[in-house]
Amino acid sequence: MTSRDPRPGDIFLAVFPEHDPRGHEQEGVRPALVLAVPAKPRFPVLVAAPMTTDRAQPWAQAAPHLYLRMPKGSGGLPVDSIMLLDQARSLDAERVRRHLGTLDPKVLDRVLTAWLALFR
């Protein structure tokens, strides 16, 4: 865990575990946006959305409400990225590595609105 407690809107490098059997879930070290930090959980966890590099993938263009584009520099991102809201998940706080930055509150509001729309 980093020396900074994660808060919604923070972008960290995080380690997403490998899956067996393999599927389409994101794995490895990648940027992730903290969507929520549960109050007083049994274990230190957070809810995070992984990101992948934006290479103008057709699937992202077909569902921009689900795959939000984040330009380089947003929240400290080193490259243009796509937030994978359909892969948001609980992540053990021990998997959080380095704080990259924090999204502008207006951008975070847009992200949270899109994320919550998945539950309707």
PDB file of N, CA and C in Angstrom:
ATOM      1  N   MET A   1       0.850  -1.179   0.000  1.00  0.00           N
ATOM      2  CA  MET A   1       0.000   0.000   0.000  1.00  0.00           C
ATOM      3  C   MET A   1       0.892   1.238   0.000  1.00  0.00           C
ATOM      4  N   THR A   2       0.433   2.267  -0.595  1.00  0.00           N
ATOM      5  CA  THR A   2       1.194   3.503  -0.658  1.00  0.00           C
ATOM      6  C   THR A   2       1.054   4.260   0.658  1.00  0.00           C
ATOM      7  N   SER A   3       1.819   5.321   0.799  1.00  0.00           N
ATOM      8  CA  SER A   3       1.724   6.131   2.013  1.00  0.00           C
ATOM      9  C   SER A   3       0.482   7.024   1.999  1.00  0.00           C
ATOM     10  N   ARG A   4      -0.204   7.110   0.872  1.00  0.00           N
ATOM     11  CA  ARG A   4      -1.397   7.946   0.735  1.00  0.00           C
ATOM     12  C   ARG A   4      -2.625   7.048   0.673  1.00  0.00           C
ATOM     13  N   ASP A   5      -3.600   7.306   1.529  1.00  0.00           N
ATOM     14  CA  ASP A   5      -4.829   6.517   1.501  1.00  0.00           C
ATOM     15  C   ASP A   5      -5.618   6.854   0.245  1.00  0.00           C
ATOM     16  N   PRO A   6      -6.044   5.832  -0.499  1.00  0.00           N
ATOM     17  CA  PRO A   6      -6.821   6.080  -1.720  1.00  0.00           C
ATOM     18  C   PRO A   6      -8.165   6.730  -1.418  1.00  0.00           C
ATOM     19  N   ARG A   7      -8.564   7.628  -2.323  1.00  0.00           N
ATOM     20  CA  ARG A   7      -9.867   8.290  -2.248  1.00  0.00           C
ATOM     21  C   ARG A   7     -10.497   8.245  -3.636  1.00  0.00           C
ATOM     22  N   PRO A   8     -11.840   8.274  -3.712  1.00  0.00           N
ATOM     23  CA  PRO A   8     -12.473   8.308  -5.028  1.00  0.00           C
ATOM     24  C   PRO A   8     -11.901   9.456  -5.868  1.00  0.00           C
ATOM     25  N   GLY A   9     -11.593   9.128  -7.111  1.00  0.00           N
ATOM     26  CA  GLY A   9     -10.999  10.099  -8.024  1.00  0.00           C
ATOM     27  C   GLY A   9      -9.505   9.929  -8.184  1.00  0.00           C
ATOM     28  N   ASP A  10      -8.875   9.202  -7.266  1.00  0.00           N
ATOM     29  CA  ASP A  10      -7.435   8.970  -7.369  1.00  0.00           C
ATOM     30  C   ASP A  10      -7.145   7.920  -8.430  1.00  0.00           C
ATOM     31  N   ILE A  11      -6.052   8.132  -9.130  1.00  0.00           N
ATOM     32  CA  ILE A  11      -5.568   7.132 -10.073  1.00  0.00           C
ATOM     33  C   ILE A  11      -4.253   6.595  -9.536  1.00  0.00           C
ATOM     34  N   PHE A  12      -4.201   5.280  -9.417  1.00  0.00           N
ATOM     35  CA  PHE A  12      -3.022   4.586  -8.926  1.00  0.00           C
ATOM     36  C   PHE A  12      -2.580   3.552  -9.940  1.00  0.00           C
ATOM     37  N   LEU A  13      -1.323   3.183  -9.880  1.00  0.00           N
ATOM     38  CA  LEU A  13      -0.908   1.947 -10.523  1.00  0.00           C
ATOM     39  C   LEU A  13      -1.328   0.850  -9.564  1.00  0.00           C
ATOM     40  N   ALA A  14      -1.954  -0.181 -10.086  1.00  0.00           N
ATOM     41  CA  ALA A  14      -2.425  -1.276  -9.253  1.00  0.00           C
ATOM     42  C   ALA A  14      -2.108  -2.596  -9.940  1.00  0.00           C
ATOM     43  N   VAL A  15      -1.968  -3.629  -9.132  1.00  0.00           N
ATOM     44  CA  VAL A  15      -1.678  -4.963  -9.644  1.00  0.00           C
ATOM     45  C   VAL A  15      -2.983  -5.755  -9.676  1.00  0.00           C
ATOM     46  N   PHE A  16      -3.461  -6.058 -10.883  1.00  0.00           N
ATOM     47  CA  PHE A  16      -4.650  -6.882 -11.046  1.00  0.00           C
ATOM     48  C   PHE A  16      -4.197  -8.322 -11.202  1.00  0.00           C
ATOM     49  N   PRO A  17      -4.769  -9.233 -10.394  1.00  0.00           N
ATOM     50  CA  PRO A  17      -4.287 -10.616 -10.380  1.00  0.00           C
ATOM     51  C   PRO A  17      -4.595 -11.373 -11.671  1.00  0.00           C
ATOM     52  N   GLU A  18      -3.787 -12.409 -11.904  1.00  0.00           N
ATOM     53  CA  GLU A  18      -4.042 -13.305 -13.032  1.00  0.00           C
ATOM     54  C   GLU A  18      -5.237 -14.186 -12.699  1.00  0.00           C
ATOM     55  N   HIS A  19      -5.927 -14.632 -13.730  1.00  0.00           N
ATOM     56  CA  HIS A  19      -7.110 -15.465 -13.559  1.00  0.00           C
ATOM     57  C   HIS A  19      -6.879 -16.834 -14.182  1.00  0.00           C
ATOM     58  N   ASP A  20      -7.395 -17.845 -13.515  1.00  0.00           N
ATOM     59  CA  ASP A  20      -7.289 -19.202 -14.032  1.00  0.00           C
ATOM     60  C   ASP A  20      -8.625 -19.883 -13.810  1.00  0.00           C
ATOM     61  N   PRO A  21      -9.358 -20.236 -14.846  1.00  0.00           N
ATOM     62  CA  PRO A  21      -8.932 -20.132 -16.238  1.00  0.00           C
ATOM     63  C   PRO A  21      -8.990 -18.681 -16.727  1.00  0.00           C
ATOM     64  N   ARG A  22      -8.244 -18.423 -17.778  1.00  0.00           N
ATOM     65  CA  ARG A  22      -8.150 -17.080 -18.326  1.00  0.00           C
ATOM     66  C   ARG A  22      -9.464 -16.666 -18.967  1.00  0.00           C
ATOM     67  N   GLY A  23      -9.740 -15.385 -18.897  1.00  0.00           N
ATOM     68  CA  GLY A  23     -10.933 -14.823 -19.515  1.00  0.00           C
ATOM     69  C   GLY A  23     -10.577 -13.479 -20.106  1.00  0.00           C
ATOM     70  N   HIS A  24     -11.497 -12.546 -20.045  1.00  0.00           N
ATOM     71  CA  HIS A  24     -11.267 -11.216 -20.613  1.00  0.00           C
ATOM     72  C   HIS A  24     -11.005 -10.162 -19.548  1.00  0.00           C
ATOM     73  N   GLU A  25     -10.865 -10.580 -18.278  1.00  0.00           N
ATOM     74  CA  GLU A  25     -10.599  -9.622 -17.212  1.00  0.00           C
ATOM     75  C   GLU A  25      -9.192  -9.055 -17.349  1.00  0.00           C
ATOM     76  N   GLN A  26      -9.049  -7.800 -16.951  1.00  0.00           N
ATOM     77  CA  GLN A  26      -7.744  -7.151 -16.991  1.00  0.00           C
ATOM     78  C   GLN A  26      -6.820  -7.768 -15.938  1.00  0.00           C
ATOM     79  N   GLU A  27      -5.559  -7.904 -16.301  1.00  0.00           N
ATOM     80  CA  GLU A  27      -4.546  -8.472 -15.416  1.00  0.00           C
ATOM     81  C   GLU A  27      -3.307  -7.599 -15.465  1.00  0.00           C
ATOM     82  N   GLY A  28      -2.445  -7.800 -14.489  1.00  0.00           N
ATOM     83  CA  GLY A  28      -1.147  -7.133 -14.488  1.00  0.00           C
ATOM     84  C   GLY A  28      -1.188  -5.740 -13.888  1.00  0.00           C
ATOM     85  N   VAL A  29      -0.042  -5.063 -13.977  1.00  0.00           N
ATOM     86  CA  VAL A  29       0.100  -3.710 -13.433  1.00  0.00           C
ATOM     87  C   VAL A  29      -0.457  -2.726 -14.439  1.00  0.00           C
ATOM     88  N   ARG A  30      -1.389  -1.894 -13.984  1.00  0.00           N
ATOM     89  CA  ARG A  30      -2.015  -0.914 -14.880  1.00  0.00           C
ATOM     90  C   ARG A  30      -2.627   0.207 -14.059  1.00  0.00           C
ATOM     91  N   PRO A  31      -2.885   1.342 -14.681  1.00  0.00           N
ATOM     92  CA  PRO A  31      -3.588   2.409 -13.965  1.00  0.00           C
ATOM     93  C   PRO A  31      -5.007   1.976 -13.628  1.00  0.00           C
ATOM     94  N   ALA A  32      -5.496   2.458 -12.510  1.00  0.00           N
ATOM     95  CA  ALA A  32      -6.865   2.174 -12.090  1.00  0.00           C
ATOM     96  C   ALA A  32      -7.402   3.401 -11.361  1.00  0.00           C
ATOM     97  N   LEU A  33      -8.669   3.688 -11.611  1.00  0.00           N
ATOM     98  CA  LEU A  33      -9.343   4.789 -10.939  1.00  0.00           C
ATOM     99  C   LEU A  33     -10.083   4.258  -9.726  1.00  0.00           C
ATOM    100  N   VAL A  34      -9.883   4.879  -8.580  1.00  0.00           N
ATOM    101  CA  VAL A  34     -10.634   4.528  -7.378  1.00  0.00           C
ATOM    102  C   VAL A  34     -12.035   5.121  -7.517  1.00  0.00           C
ATOM    103  N   LEU A  35     -13.039   4.237  -7.544  1.00  0.00           N
ATOM    104  CA  LEU A  35     -14.433   4.660  -7.632  1.00  0.00           C
ATOM    105  C   LEU A  35     -15.050   4.822  -6.255  1.00  0.00           C
ATOM    106  N   ALA A  36     -14.640   3.966  -5.313  1.00  0.00           N
ATOM    107  CA  ALA A  36     -15.213   4.000  -3.965  1.00  0.00           C
ATOM    108  C   ALA A  36     -14.260   3.330  -2.986  1.00  0.00           C
ATOM    109  N   VAL A  37     -14.339   3.770  -1.749  1.00  0.00           N
ATOM    110  CA  VAL A  37     -13.603   3.145  -0.652  1.00  0.00           C
ATOM    111  C   VAL A  37     -14.647   2.823   0.422  1.00  0.00           C
ATOM    112  N   PRO A  38     -15.004   1.540   0.571  1.00  0.00           N
ATOM    113  CA  PRO A  38     -16.027   1.186   1.556  1.00  0.00           C
ATOM    114  C   PRO A  38     -15.625   1.609   2.968  1.00  0.00           C
ATOM    115  N   ALA A  39     -16.595   2.091   3.719  1.00  0.00           N
ATOM    116  CA  ALA A  39     -16.352   2.487   5.106  1.00  0.00           C
ATOM    117  C   ALA A  39     -16.329   1.246   5.988  1.00  0.00           C
ATOM    118  N   LYS A  40     -15.271   1.087   6.747  1.00  0.00           N
ATOM    119  CA  LYS A  40     -15.119  -0.004   7.719  1.00  0.00           C
ATOM    120  C   LYS A  40     -15.372  -1.391   7.131  1.00  0.00           C
ATOM    121  N   PRO A  41     -14.687  -1.756   6.043  1.00  0.00           N
ATOM    122  CA  PRO A  41     -14.871  -3.106   5.502  1.00  0.00           C
ATOM    123  C   PRO A  41     -14.159  -4.138   6.384  1.00  0.00           C
ATOM    124  N   ARG A  42     -14.475  -5.417   6.168  1.00  0.00           N
ATOM    125  CA  ARG A  42     -13.788  -6.487   6.905  1.00  0.00           C
ATOM    126  C   ARG A  42     -12.294  -6.454   6.625  1.00  0.00           C
ATOM    127  N   PHE A  43     -11.948  -6.196   5.377  1.00  0.00           N
ATOM    128  CA  PHE A  43     -10.555  -6.140   4.936  1.00  0.00           C
ATOM    129  C   PHE A  43     -10.357  -4.830   4.189  1.00  0.00           C
ATOM    130  N   PRO A  44      -9.137  -4.311   4.142  1.00  0.00           N
ATOM    131  CA  PRO A  44      -8.914  -3.046   3.413  1.00  0.00           C
ATOM    132  C   PRO A  44      -9.032  -3.254   1.896  1.00  0.00           C
ATOM    133  N   VAL A  45     -10.164  -2.834   1.348  1.00  0.00           N
ATOM    134  CA  VAL A  45     -10.416  -2.953  -0.086  1.00  0.00           C
ATOM    135  C   VAL A  45     -10.879  -1.617  -0.637  1.00  0.00           C
ATOM    136  N   LEU A  46     -10.820  -1.515  -1.943  1.00  0.00           N
ATOM    137  CA  LEU A  46     -11.386  -0.368  -2.637  1.00  0.00           C
ATOM    138  C   LEU A  46     -12.034  -0.890  -3.902  1.00  0.00           C
ATOM    139  N   VAL A  47     -12.900  -0.086  -4.492  1.00  0.00           N
ATOM    140  CA  VAL A  47     -13.532  -0.435  -5.760  1.00  0.00           C
ATOM    141  C   VAL A  47     -12.834   0.401  -6.823  1.00  0.00           C
ATOM    142  N   ALA A  48     -12.295  -0.286  -7.824  1.00  0.00           N
ATOM    143  CA  ALA A  48     -11.492   0.399  -8.833  1.00  0.00           C
ATOM    144  C   ALA A  48     -11.872  -0.055 -10.233  1.00  0.00           C
ATOM    145  N   ALA A  49     -11.691   0.853 -11.184  1.00  0.00           N
ATOM    146  CA  ALA A  49     -11.893   0.546 -12.602  1.00  0.00           C
ATOM    147  C   ALA A  49     -10.528   0.535 -13.280  1.00  0.00           C
ATOM    148  N   PRO A  50     -10.142  -0.595 -13.874  1.00  0.00           N
ATOM    149  CA  PRO A  50      -8.858  -0.648 -14.566  1.00  0.00           C
ATOM    150  C   PRO A  50      -8.893   0.159 -15.863  1.00  0.00           C
ATOM    151  N   MET A  51      -7.719   0.468 -16.349  1.00  0.00           N
ATOM    152  CA  MET A  51      -7.597   1.198 -17.611  1.00  0.00           C
ATOM    153  C   MET A  51      -6.672   0.453 -18.555  1.00  0.00           C
ATOM    154  N   THR A  52      -6.832   0.758 -19.825  1.00  0.00           N
ATOM    155  CA  THR A  52      -5.954   0.208 -20.849  1.00  0.00           C
ATOM    156  C   THR A  52      -5.568   1.346 -21.783  1.00  0.00           C
ATOM    157  N   THR A  53      -4.531   1.140 -22.544  1.00  0.00           N
ATOM    158  CA  THR A  53      -4.062   2.160 -23.478  1.00  0.00           C
ATOM    159  C   THR A  53      -5.093   2.383 -24.588  1.00  0.00           C
ATOM    160  N   ASP A  54      -5.342   3.641 -24.923  1.00  0.00           N
ATOM    161  CA  ASP A  54      -6.283   4.004 -25.982  1.00  0.00           C
ATOM    162  C   ASP A  54      -5.567   3.937 -27.320  1.00  0.00           C
ATOM    163  N   ARG A  55      -5.976   2.952 -28.121  1.00  0.00           N
ATOM    164  CA  ARG A  55      -5.428   2.804 -29.468  1.00  0.00           C
ATOM    165  C   ARG A  55      -6.555   2.839 -30.507  1.00  0.00           C
ATOM    166  N   ALA A  56      -7.577   3.637 -30.201  1.00  0.00           N
ATOM    167  CA  ALA A  56      -8.748   3.777 -31.083  1.00  0.00           C
ATOM    168  C   ALA A  56      -9.403   2.424 -31.349  1.00  0.00           C
ATOM    169  N   GLN A  57      -9.548   1.607 -30.300  1.00  0.00           N
ATOM    170  CA  GLN A  57     -10.176   0.305 -30.436  1.00  0.00           C
ATOM    171  C   GLN A  57     -11.642   0.460 -30.827  1.00  0.00           C
ATOM    172  N   PRO A  58     -12.104  -0.330 -31.795  1.00  0.00           N
ATOM    173  CA  PRO A  58     -13.490  -0.217 -32.251  1.00  0.00           C
ATOM    174  C   PRO A  58     -14.511  -0.458 -31.141  1.00  0.00           C
ATOM    175  N   TRP A  59     -14.251  -1.381 -30.231  1.00  0.00           N
ATOM    176  CA  TRP A  59     -15.194  -1.681 -29.151  1.00  0.00           C
ATOM    177  C   TRP A  59     -15.376  -0.471 -28.238  1.00  0.00           C
ATOM    178  N   ALA A  60     -14.331   0.318 -28.049  1.00  0.00           N
ATOM    179  CA  ALA A  60     -14.444   1.517 -27.208  1.00  0.00           C
ATOM    180  C   ALA A  60     -15.241   2.602 -27.933  1.00  0.00           C
ATOM    181  N   GLN A  61     -15.041   2.701 -29.227  1.00  0.00           N
ATOM    182  CA  GLN A  61     -15.779   3.686 -30.014  1.00  0.00           C
ATOM    183  C   GLN A  61     -17.258   3.333 -30.096  1.00  0.00           C
ATOM    184  N   ALA A  62     -17.579   2.026 -30.046  1.00  0.00           N
ATOM    185  CA  ALA A  62     -18.962   1.574 -30.149  1.00  0.00           C
ATOM    186  C   ALA A  62     -19.750   1.795 -28.856  1.00  0.00           C
ATOM    187  N   ALA A  63     -19.070   1.926 -27.723  1.00  0.00           N
ATOM    188  CA  ALA A  63     -19.756   2.097 -26.442  1.00  0.00           C
ATOM    189  C   ALA A  63     -19.038   3.151 -25.594  1.00  0.00           C
ATOM    190  N   PRO A  64     -19.041   4.415 -26.032  1.00  0.00           N
ATOM    191  CA  PRO A  64     -18.296   5.450 -25.309  1.00  0.00           C
ATOM    192  C   PRO A  64     -18.834   5.729 -23.903  1.00  0.00           C
ATOM    193  N   HIS A  65     -20.083   5.360 -23.622  1.00  0.00           N
ATOM    194  CA  HIS A  65     -20.662   5.530 -22.283  1.00  0.00           C
ATOM    195  C   HIS A  65     -20.079   4.517 -21.295  1.00  0.00           C
ATOM    196  N   LEU A  66     -19.548   3.418 -21.819  1.00  0.00           N
ATOM    197  CA  LEU A  66     -18.999   2.343 -20.995  1.00  0.00           C
ATOM    198  C   LEU A  66     -17.479   2.387 -20.934  1.00  0.00           C
ATOM    199  N   TYR A  67     -16.865   2.848 -22.003  1.00  0.00           N
ATOM    200  CA  TYR A  67     -15.409   2.909 -22.117  1.00  0.00           C
ATOM    201  C   TYR A  67     -15.002   4.371 -22.285  1.00  0.00           C
ATOM    202  N   LEU A  68     -14.810   5.034 -21.161  1.00  0.00           N
ATOM    203  CA  LEU A  68     -14.535   6.468 -21.178  1.00  0.00           C
ATOM    204  C   LEU A  68     -13.084   6.747 -21.530  1.00  0.00           C
ATOM    205  N   ARG A  69     -12.905   7.626 -22.474  1.00  0.00           N
ATOM    206  CA  ARG A  69     -11.549   8.020 -22.876  1.00  0.00           C
ATOM    207  C   ARG A  69     -10.995   9.034 -21.880  1.00  0.00           C
ATOM    208  N   MET A  70      -9.758   8.825 -21.500  1.00  0.00           N
ATOM    209  CA  MET A  70      -9.040   9.709 -20.589  1.00  0.00           C
ATOM    210  C   MET A  70      -7.760  10.148 -21.296  1.00  0.00           C
ATOM    211  N   PRO A  71      -7.645  11.425 -21.640  1.00  0.00           N
ATOM    212  CA  PRO A  71      -6.439  11.877 -22.339  1.00  0.00           C
ATOM    213  C   PRO A  71      -5.204  11.835 -21.429  1.00  0.00           C
ATOM    214  N   LYS A  72      -4.067  11.690 -22.066  1.00  0.00           N
ATOM    215  CA  LYS A  72      -2.783  11.740 -21.357  1.00  0.00           C
ATOM    216  C   LYS A  72      -2.778  12.968 -20.453  1.00  0.00           C
ATOM    217  N   GLY A  73      -2.309  12.793 -19.226  1.00  0.00           N
ATOM    218  CA  GLY A  73      -2.248  13.896 -18.272  1.00  0.00           C
ATOM    219  C   GLY A  73      -3.422  13.931 -17.317  1.00  0.00           C
ATOM    220  N   SER A  74      -4.588  13.368 -17.715  1.00  0.00           N
ATOM    221  CA  SER A  74      -5.744  13.332 -16.809  1.00  0.00           C
ATOM    222  C   SER A  74      -5.381  12.491 -15.592  1.00  0.00           C
ATOM    223  N   GLY A  75      -5.445  13.087 -14.434  1.00  0.00           N
ATOM    224  CA  GLY A  75      -5.139  12.351 -13.217  1.00  0.00           C
ATOM    225  C   GLY A  75      -3.744  11.753 -13.196  1.00  0.00           C
ATOM    226  N   GLY A  76      -2.838  12.349 -13.971  1.00  0.00           N
ATOM    227  CA  GLY A  76      -1.462  11.852 -13.991  1.00  0.00           C
ATOM    228  C   GLY A  76      -1.216  10.691 -14.947  1.00  0.00           C
ATOM    229  N   LEU A  77      -2.175  10.393 -15.816  1.00  0.00           N
ATOM    230  CA  LEU A  77      -1.982   9.287 -16.758  1.00  0.00           C
ATOM    231  C   LEU A  77      -0.834   9.582 -17.714  1.00  0.00           C
ATOM    232  N   PRO A  78       0.061   8.613 -17.913  1.00  0.00           N
ATOM    233  CA  PRO A  78       1.205   8.842 -18.792  1.00  0.00           C
ATOM    234  C   PRO A  78       0.867   8.750 -20.281  1.00  0.00           C
ATOM    235  N   VAL A  79      -0.249   8.102 -20.626  1.00  0.00           N
ATOM    236  CA  VAL A  79      -0.659   7.951 -22.030  1.00  0.00           C
ATOM    237  C   VAL A  79      -2.179   8.073 -22.126  1.00  0.00           C
ATOM    238  N   ASP A  80      -2.692   8.312 -23.343  1.00  0.00           N
ATOM    239  CA  ASP A  80      -4.137   8.280 -23.571  1.00  0.00           C
ATOM    240  C   ASP A  80      -4.649   6.907 -23.144  1.00  0.00           C
ATOM    241  N   SER A  81      -5.736   6.898 -22.396  1.00  0.00           N
ATOM    242  CA  SER A  81      -6.219   5.640 -21.820  1.00  0.00           C
ATOM    243  C   SER A  81      -7.727   5.519 -21.972  1.00  0.00           C
ATOM    244  N   ILE A  82      -8.213   4.290 -21.774  1.00  0.00           N
ATOM    245  CA  ILE A  82      -9.637   4.005 -21.761  1.00  0.00           C
ATOM    246  C   ILE A  82      -9.966   3.386 -20.410  1.00  0.00           C
ATOM    247  N   MET A  83     -10.944   3.964 -19.731  1.00  0.00           N
ATOM    248  CA  MET A  83     -11.405   3.423 -18.464  1.00  0.00           C
ATOM    249  C   MET A  83     -12.411   2.322 -18.764  1.00  0.00           C
ATOM    250  N   LEU A  84     -12.220   1.173 -18.162  1.00  0.00           N
ATOM    251  CA  LEU A  84     -13.055   0.010 -18.417  1.00  0.00           C
ATOM    252  C   LEU A  84     -14.084  -0.132 -17.295  1.00  0.00           C
ATOM    253  N   LEU A  85     -15.168   0.625 -17.384  1.00  0.00           N
ATOM    254  CA  LEU A  85     -16.161   0.632 -16.319  1.00  0.00           C
ATOM    255  C   LEU A  85     -16.838  -0.723 -16.157  1.00  0.00           C
ATOM    256  N   ASP A  86     -16.902  -1.522 -17.226  1.00  0.00           N
ATOM    257  CA  ASP A  86     -17.514  -2.844 -17.122  1.00  0.00           C
ATOM    258  C   ASP A  86     -16.622  -3.831 -16.369  1.00  0.00           C
ATOM    259  N   GLN A  87     -15.410  -3.423 -16.020  1.00  0.00           N
ATOM    260  CA  GLN A  87     -14.516  -4.299 -15.273  1.00  0.00           C
ATOM    261  C   GLN A  87     -14.191  -3.753 -13.884  1.00  0.00           C
ATOM    262  N   ALA A  88     -14.976  -2.804 -13.412  1.00  0.00           N
ATOM    263  CA  ALA A  88     -14.779  -2.286 -12.052  1.00  0.00           C
ATOM    264  C   ALA A  88     -14.925  -3.440 -11.074  1.00  0.00           C
ATOM    265  N   ARG A  89     -14.080  -3.440 -10.049  1.00  0.00           N
ATOM    266  CA  ARG A  89     -14.087  -4.556  -9.092  1.00  0.00           C
ATOM    267  C   ARG A  89     -13.469  -4.159  -7.771  1.00  0.00           C
ATOM    268  N   SER A  90     -13.727  -4.989  -6.776  1.00  0.00           N
ATOM    269  CA  SER A  90     -13.052  -4.806  -5.493  1.00  0.00           C
ATOM    270  C   SER A  90     -11.606  -5.240  -5.665  1.00  0.00           C
ATOM    271  N   LEU A  91     -10.743  -4.486  -5.024  1.00  0.00           N
ATOM    272  CA  LEU A  91      -9.315  -4.757  -5.117  1.00  0.00           C
ATOM    273  C   LEU A  91      -8.714  -4.584  -3.730  1.00  0.00           C
ATOM    274  N   ASP A  92      -7.960  -5.562  -3.291  1.00  0.00           N
ATOM    275  CA  ASP A  92      -7.297  -5.471  -1.996  1.00  0.00           C
ATOM    276  C   ASP A  92      -6.371  -4.268  -2.001  1.00  0.00           C
ATOM    277  N   ALA A  93      -6.396  -3.489  -0.947  1.00  0.00           N
ATOM    278  CA  ALA A  93      -5.577  -2.277  -0.863  1.00  0.00           C
ATOM    279  C   ALA A  93      -4.086  -2.585  -0.996  1.00  0.00           C
ATOM    280  N   GLU A  94      -3.679  -3.817  -0.700  1.00  0.00           N
ATOM    281  CA  GLU A  94      -2.263  -4.200  -0.849  1.00  0.00           C
ATOM    282  C   GLU A  94      -1.830  -4.227  -2.312  1.00  0.00           C
ATOM    283  N   ARG A  95      -2.780  -4.262  -3.231  1.00  0.00           N
ATOM    284  CA  ARG A  95      -2.450  -4.292  -4.661  1.00  0.00           C
ATOM    285  C   ARG A  95      -2.199  -2.896  -5.240  1.00  0.00           C
ATOM    286  N   VAL A  96      -2.467  -1.879  -4.460  1.00  0.00           N
ATOM    287  CA  VAL A  96      -2.251  -0.494  -4.900  1.00  0.00           C
ATOM    288  C   VAL A  96      -0.767  -0.166  -4.758  1.00  0.00           C
ATOM    289  N   ARG A  97      -0.188   0.374  -5.800  1.00  0.00           N
ATOM    290  CA  ARG A  97       1.237   0.680  -5.783  1.00  0.00           C
ATOM    291  C   ARG A  97       1.505   2.184  -5.683  1.00  0.00           C
ATOM    292  N   ARG A  98       1.527   2.863  -6.786  1.00  0.00           N
ATOM    293  CA  ARG A  98       1.974   4.252  -6.822  1.00  0.00           C
ATOM    294  C   ARG A  98       0.845   5.181  -7.235  1.00  0.00           C
ATOM    295  N   HIS A  99       0.697   6.270  -6.502  1.00  0.00           N
ATOM    296  CA  HIS A  99      -0.298   7.293  -6.820  1.00  0.00           C
ATOM    297  C   HIS A  99       0.184   8.067  -8.044  1.00  0.00           C
ATOM    298  N   LEU A 100      -0.672   8.152  -9.071  1.00  0.00           N
ATOM    299  CA  LEU A 100      -0.328   8.908 -10.273  1.00  0.00           C
ATOM    300  C   LEU A 100      -0.896  10.322 -10.232  1.00  0.00           C
ATOM    301  N   GLY A 101      -2.103  10.450  -9.682  1.00  0.00           N
ATOM    302  CA  GLY A 101      -2.746  11.759  -9.630  1.00  0.00           C
ATOM    303  C   GLY A 101      -4.207  11.616  -9.265  1.00  0.00           C
ATOM    304  N   THR A 102      -4.947  12.697  -9.415  1.00  0.00           N
ATOM    305  CA  THR A 102      -6.359  12.732  -9.060  1.00  0.00           C
ATOM    306  C   THR A 102      -7.133  13.413 -10.176  1.00  0.00           C
ATOM    307  N   LEU A 103      -8.271  12.839 -10.544  1.00  0.00           N
ATOM    308  CA  LEU A 103      -9.106  13.437 -11.585  1.00  0.00           C
ATOM    309  C   LEU A 103      -9.746  14.728 -11.104  1.00  0.00           C
ATOM    310  N   ASP A 104      -9.965  15.623 -12.022  1.00  0.00           N
ATOM    311  CA  ASP A 104     -10.730  16.830 -11.764  1.00  0.00           C
ATOM    312  C   ASP A 104     -12.115  16.403 -11.282  1.00  0.00           C
ATOM    313  N   PRO A 105     -12.687  17.073 -10.274  1.00  0.00           N
ATOM    314  CA  PRO A 105     -14.007  16.674  -9.746  1.00  0.00           C
ATOM    315  C   PRO A 105     -15.106  16.591 -10.814  1.00  0.00           C
ATOM    316  N   LYS A 106     -15.078  17.459 -11.818  1.00  0.00           N
ATOM    317  CA  LYS A 106     -16.094  17.401 -12.879  1.00  0.00           C
ATOM    318  C   LYS A 106     -15.954  16.130 -13.716  1.00  0.00           C
ATOM    319  N   VAL A 107     -14.717  15.728 -13.962  1.00  0.00           N
ATOM    320  CA  VAL A 107     -14.474  14.494 -14.712  1.00  0.00           C
ATOM    321  C   VAL A 107     -14.906  13.294 -13.866  1.00  0.00           C
ATOM    322  N   LEU A 108     -14.574  13.316 -12.579  1.00  0.00           N
ATOM    323  CA  LEU A 108     -14.990  12.232 -11.693  1.00  0.00           C
ATOM    324  C   LEU A 108     -16.514  12.121 -11.657  1.00  0.00           C
ATOM    325  N   ASP A 109     -17.221  13.232 -11.603  1.00  0.00           N
ATOM    326  CA  ASP A 109     -18.687  13.194 -11.626  1.00  0.00           C
ATOM    327  C   ASP A 109     -19.197  12.498 -12.889  1.00  0.00           C
ATOM    328  N   ARG A 110     -18.581  12.798 -14.018  1.00  0.00           N
ATOM    329  CA  ARG A 110     -18.977  12.166 -15.293  1.00  0.00           C
ATOM    330  C   ARG A 110     -18.737  10.658 -15.243  1.00  0.00           C
ATOM    331  N   VAL A 111     -17.589  10.262 -14.682  1.00  0.00           N
ATOM    332  CA  VAL A 111     -17.242   8.848 -14.560  1.00  0.00           C
ATOM    333  C   VAL A 111     -18.236   8.131 -13.641  1.00  0.00           C
ATOM    334  N   LEU A 112     -18.499   8.710 -12.474  1.00  0.00           N
ATOM    335  CA  LEU A 112     -19.405   8.068 -11.516  1.00  0.00           C
ATOM    336  C   LEU A 112     -20.820   7.965 -12.073  1.00  0.00           C
ATOM    337  N   THR A 113     -21.268   8.961 -12.819  1.00  0.00           N
ATOM    338  CA  THR A 113     -22.584   8.913 -13.447  1.00  0.00           C
ATOM    339  C   THR A 113     -22.650   7.759 -14.441  1.00  0.00           C
ATOM    340  N   ALA A 114     -21.617   7.612 -15.240  1.00  0.00           N
ATOM    341  CA  ALA A 114     -21.564   6.525 -16.220  1.00  0.00           C
ATOM    342  C   ALA A 114     -21.508   5.168 -15.525  1.00  0.00           C
ATOM    343  N   TRP A 115     -20.732   5.081 -14.442  1.00  0.00           N
ATOM    344  CA  TRP A 115     -20.612   3.826 -13.705  1.00  0.00           C
ATOM    345  C   TRP A 115     -21.943   3.433 -13.080  1.00  0.00           C
ATOM    346  N   LEU A 116     -22.601   4.382 -12.431  1.00  0.00           N
ATOM    347  CA  LEU A 116     -23.881   4.086 -11.777  1.00  0.00           C
ATOM    348  C   LEU A 116     -24.948   3.697 -12.801  1.00  0.00           C
ATOM    349  N   ALA A 117     -24.851   4.190 -14.018  1.00  0.00           N
ATOM    350  CA  ALA A 117     -25.820   3.840 -15.064  1.00  0.00           C
ATOM    351  C   ALA A 117     -25.777   2.341 -15.384  1.00  0.00           C
ATOM    352  N   LEU A 118     -24.680   1.683 -15.084  1.00  0.00           N
ATOM    353  CA  LEU A 118     -24.581   0.238 -15.306  1.00  0.00           C
ATOM    354  C   LEU A 118     -25.551  -0.547 -14.423  1.00  0.00           C
ATOM    355  N   PHE A 119     -25.956   0.035 -13.311  1.00  0.00           N
ATOM    356  CA  PHE A 119     -26.796  -0.665 -12.354  1.00  0.00           C
ATOM    357  C   PHE A 119     -28.290  -0.406 -12.568  1.00  0.00           C
ATOM    358  N   ARG A 120     -28.629   0.339 -13.593  1.00  0.00           N
ATOM    359  CA  ARG A 120     -30.046   0.655 -13.860  1.00  0.00           C
ATOM    360  C   ARG A 120     -30.626  -0.294 -14.870  1.00  0.00           C
TER     361      ARG A 120
END
